[in-house]
Amino acid sequence: MAMINLANKKIELPIQEGVLKTLVREDVHQGYIDGLNDSEVNNFLVGVAQSKQTVGSVASFVEHGFVAANEMVFGIWNKNEPMHCGTVRLHGIDLYHHTAHIGVCLFNKDVWGIGLAKKSICAVTDWGLNTLGLRWIEAGAYEENIASVKLFERAGYQKKYTVEGKYLLHGKASNAVVLAACIDHI
């Protein structure tokens, strides 16, 4: 397989009732920042919750994702809305082992429960497995984050293992649940 450099690539993935697009600095908007600062949204996003998010910090995250060779940050656009309502990040892409990690965040609570996160995970997973030639895409979640675990299972991911006490959640040891979508096509 040829080496793929994802830096500065603009990619669109259609989903039912919306589209995923590579996120760029110009896509950073106040609703994105406010959503990341909402304790209900960032409850399991420990890195995000550790400090107040600003235009600068969010723009830096987006810019890093855009210029990275082994990562893609997609914005999730619902229907014909002018601004994105969430993100899906495929990162740690390793084309030797054909693996990657995935994470999703819907920062606009108005779209929770309508299936956008599942559709987005499915589209990015399909793109990673079939376009990038990945064989293993891994999602991790705090065991307490039952909604996230169930979401990835509905998107076709399977629980692979649990690591006892791997993370701290609100100062207490928490188990990490690792789920994966995988195929054997190498």
Protein backbone atom coordinates (compact mmCIF):
# COMPACT_ATOMS: atom_id res chain seq x y z
CA MET A 1 0.00 0.00 0.00
CA ALA A 2 1.27 3.45 -0.88
CA MET A 3 1.87 5.92 1.93
CA ILE A 4 -0.98 8.36 2.36
CA ASN A 5 -0.35 11.87 3.61
CA LEU A 6 -3.60 13.39 4.87
CA ALA A 7 -2.11 16.83 5.60
CA ASN A 8 -4.15 19.67 4.11
CA LYS A 9 -6.64 17.28 2.46
CA LYS A 10 -10.21 18.47 2.08
CA ILE A 11 -12.53 15.49 2.06
CA GLU A 12 -16.32 15.26 2.09
CA LEU A 13 -18.25 12.17 3.13
CA PRO A 14 -22.01 12.17 2.57
CA ILE A 15 -24.29 10.86 5.31
CA GLN A 16 -28.05 10.59 5.35
CA GLU A 17 -29.43 13.99 6.31
CA GLY A 18 -26.03 15.68 6.24
CA VAL A 19 -22.37 15.69 5.31
CA LEU A 20 -18.97 15.32 6.94
CA LYS A 21 -16.27 17.73 5.81
CA THR A 22 -12.65 18.23 6.78
CA LEU A 23 -12.71 20.88 9.47
CA VAL A 24 -10.73 24.08 8.81
CA ARG A 25 -10.07 27.14 10.95
CA GLU A 26 -12.86 29.10 9.27
CA ASP A 27 -15.35 26.53 10.60
CA VAL A 28 -14.70 27.47 14.23
CA HIS A 29 -17.79 29.26 15.55
CA GLN A 30 -19.06 30.38 18.93
CA GLY A 31 -21.56 27.51 19.17
CA TYR A 32 -18.65 25.05 18.84
CA ILE A 33 -16.72 26.77 21.64
CA ASP A 34 -19.76 27.12 23.89
CA GLY A 35 -20.68 23.47 23.35
CA LEU A 36 -17.20 22.28 24.32
CA ASN A 37 -17.45 24.38 27.49
CA ASP A 38 -20.81 22.81 28.44
CA SER A 39 -20.26 20.38 31.32
CA GLU A 40 -22.89 17.99 29.95
CA VAL A 41 -21.04 17.84 26.61
CA ASN A 42 -17.52 17.63 28.02
CA ASN A 43 -18.29 15.32 30.96
CA PHE A 44 -16.20 12.53 29.38
CA LEU A 45 -13.88 14.82 27.39
CA VAL A 46 -11.38 15.25 30.19
CA GLY A 47 -8.78 17.08 28.09
CA VAL A 48 -11.40 19.54 26.90
CA ALA A 49 -12.94 20.00 30.34
CA GLN A 50 -9.60 20.71 32.05
CA SER A 51 -9.50 24.25 30.71
CA LYS A 52 -11.96 26.75 29.31
CA GLN A 53 -12.06 26.45 25.55
CA THR A 54 -11.48 29.63 23.53
CA VAL A 55 -11.39 30.61 19.89
CA GLY A 56 -7.61 30.17 20.05
CA SER A 57 -7.61 26.72 21.67
CA VAL A 58 -10.31 25.34 19.38
CA ALA A 59 -8.72 26.88 16.28
CA SER A 60 -5.39 25.33 17.29
CA PHE A 61 -7.02 21.87 17.60
CA VAL A 62 -8.67 22.26 14.19
CA GLU A 63 -5.49 23.54 12.53
CA HIS A 64 -3.44 20.69 14.01
CA GLY A 65 -5.91 18.18 12.61
CA PHE A 66 -5.80 19.82 9.18
CA VAL A 67 -2.02 19.82 8.82
CA ALA A 68 -1.36 16.42 10.43
CA ALA A 69 -0.30 13.66 8.06
CA ASN A 70 -1.89 10.90 10.15
CA GLU A 71 -5.17 12.43 11.29
CA MET A 72 -8.48 13.76 9.97
CA VAL A 73 -10.93 15.92 11.87
CA PHE A 74 -14.33 16.00 10.20
CA GLY A 75 -17.07 18.46 11.02
CA ILE A 76 -20.60 17.05 11.11
CA TRP A 77 -23.13 19.19 9.21
CA ASN A 78 -26.80 18.37 9.76
CA LYS A 79 -29.02 18.77 6.68
CA ASN A 80 -28.63 22.28 5.29
CA GLU A 81 -27.37 23.93 8.48
CA PRO A 82 -24.69 26.59 7.88
CA MET A 83 -22.50 25.50 10.83
CA HIS A 84 -21.34 22.11 11.98
CA CYS A 85 -22.81 20.56 15.11
CA GLY A 86 -20.11 18.03 15.99
CA THR A 87 -16.85 16.39 15.04
CA VAL A 88 -15.44 12.96 14.26
CA ARG A 89 -11.69 12.54 14.60
CA LEU A 90 -9.75 9.67 13.05
CA HIS A 91 -6.27 9.90 14.51
CA GLY A 92 -3.13 7.94 15.22
CA ILE A 93 -3.47 6.54 11.71
CA ASP A 94 -0.73 3.96 11.32
CA LEU A 95 -0.37 2.68 7.78
CA TYR A 96 2.20 0.05 8.72
CA HIS A 97 -0.15 -1.73 11.12
CA HIS A 98 -3.25 -0.39 9.29
CA THR A 99 -4.80 0.91 12.52
CA ALA A 100 -6.33 4.12 13.86
CA HIS A 101 -8.34 5.59 16.72
CA ILE A 102 -11.71 7.30 16.42
CA GLY A 103 -13.65 9.72 18.58
CA VAL A 104 -16.89 11.65 18.15
CA CYS A 105 -18.39 14.70 19.83
CA LEU A 106 -21.77 16.29 19.22
CA PHE A 107 -21.37 19.66 20.92
CA ASN A 108 -24.82 20.88 19.84
CA LYS A 109 -27.25 19.12 22.20
CA ASP A 110 -30.19 19.94 19.87
CA VAL A 111 -29.02 17.10 17.59
CA TRP A 112 -28.52 14.49 20.31
CA GLY A 113 -30.61 11.37 19.79
CA ILE A 114 -31.35 11.76 16.06
CA GLY A 115 -28.69 9.34 14.80
CA LEU A 116 -26.09 11.81 13.51
CA ALA A 117 -23.27 10.43 15.64
CA LYS A 118 -23.90 6.85 14.50
CA LYS A 119 -24.12 7.86 10.83
CA SER A 120 -20.92 9.88 11.18
CA ILE A 121 -19.02 7.05 12.88
CA CYS A 122 -20.20 4.61 10.20
CA ALA A 123 -19.13 6.92 7.35
CA VAL A 124 -15.67 7.62 8.78
CA THR A 125 -15.17 3.95 9.66
CA ASP A 126 -16.13 2.89 6.14
CA TRP A 127 -13.78 5.51 4.68
CA GLY A 128 -10.93 4.39 6.96
CA LEU A 129 -11.37 0.68 6.28
CA ASN A 130 -12.10 0.87 2.56
CA THR A 131 -10.28 4.00 1.33
CA LEU A 132 -7.29 4.10 3.66
CA GLY A 133 -7.05 0.30 3.88
CA LEU A 134 -7.17 0.20 7.66
CA ARG A 135 -7.94 -3.13 9.31
CA TRP A 136 -8.58 -1.95 12.89
CA ILE A 137 -10.24 1.24 14.08
CA GLU A 138 -10.39 1.57 17.84
CA ALA A 139 -12.67 3.61 20.09
CA GLY A 140 -12.12 3.95 23.81
CA ALA A 141 -14.63 5.05 26.40
CA TYR A 142 -14.92 5.38 30.12
CA GLU A 143 -16.97 2.44 31.38
CA GLU A 144 -19.35 4.98 32.94
CA ASN A 145 -20.00 6.50 29.51
CA ILE A 146 -22.69 3.96 28.70
CA ALA A 147 -24.16 6.11 25.91
CA SER A 148 -20.83 6.19 24.04
CA VAL A 149 -20.26 2.45 24.41
CA LYS A 150 -23.77 1.72 23.11
CA LEU A 151 -23.32 4.24 20.28
CA PHE A 152 -20.19 2.53 18.98
CA GLU A 153 -21.84 -0.88 19.31
CA ARG A 154 -24.80 0.37 17.23
CA ALA A 155 -22.26 1.59 14.67
CA GLY A 156 -20.89 -1.96 14.34
CA TYR A 157 -18.01 -1.81 16.81
CA GLN A 158 -17.42 -4.74 19.14
CA LYS A 159 -16.11 -4.65 22.69
CA LYS A 160 -12.60 -6.07 22.59
CA TYR A 161 -11.38 -5.63 26.17
CA THR A 162 -11.59 -3.58 29.34
CA VAL A 163 -8.61 -2.11 31.15
CA GLU A 164 -9.26 -1.83 34.88
CA GLY A 165 -8.55 1.54 36.45
CA LYS A 166 -6.77 2.94 33.37
CA TYR A 167 -8.14 6.46 33.63
CA LEU A 168 -9.21 8.91 36.28
CA LEU A 169 -12.71 10.30 35.98
CA HIS A 170 -13.54 13.15 38.34
CA GLY A 171 -10.67 12.02 40.57
CA LYS A 172 -11.62 8.34 40.77
CA ALA A 173 -10.17 5.34 38.92
CA SER A 174 -12.29 4.32 35.95
CA ASN A 175 -12.17 1.33 33.64
CA ALA A 176 -11.54 1.92 29.95
CA VAL A 177 -13.71 -0.01 27.48
CA VAL A 178 -12.03 -0.59 24.12
CA LEU A 179 -14.19 -1.27 21.09
CA ALA A 180 -13.07 -1.85 17.52
CA ALA A 181 -14.27 -2.14 13.97
CA CYS A 182 -11.96 -4.50 12.17
CA ILE A 183 -11.59 -6.45 8.97
CA ASP A 184 -8.90 -8.78 7.73
CA HIS A 185 -8.03 -7.69 4.21
CA ILE A 186 -4.23 -7.41 4.40
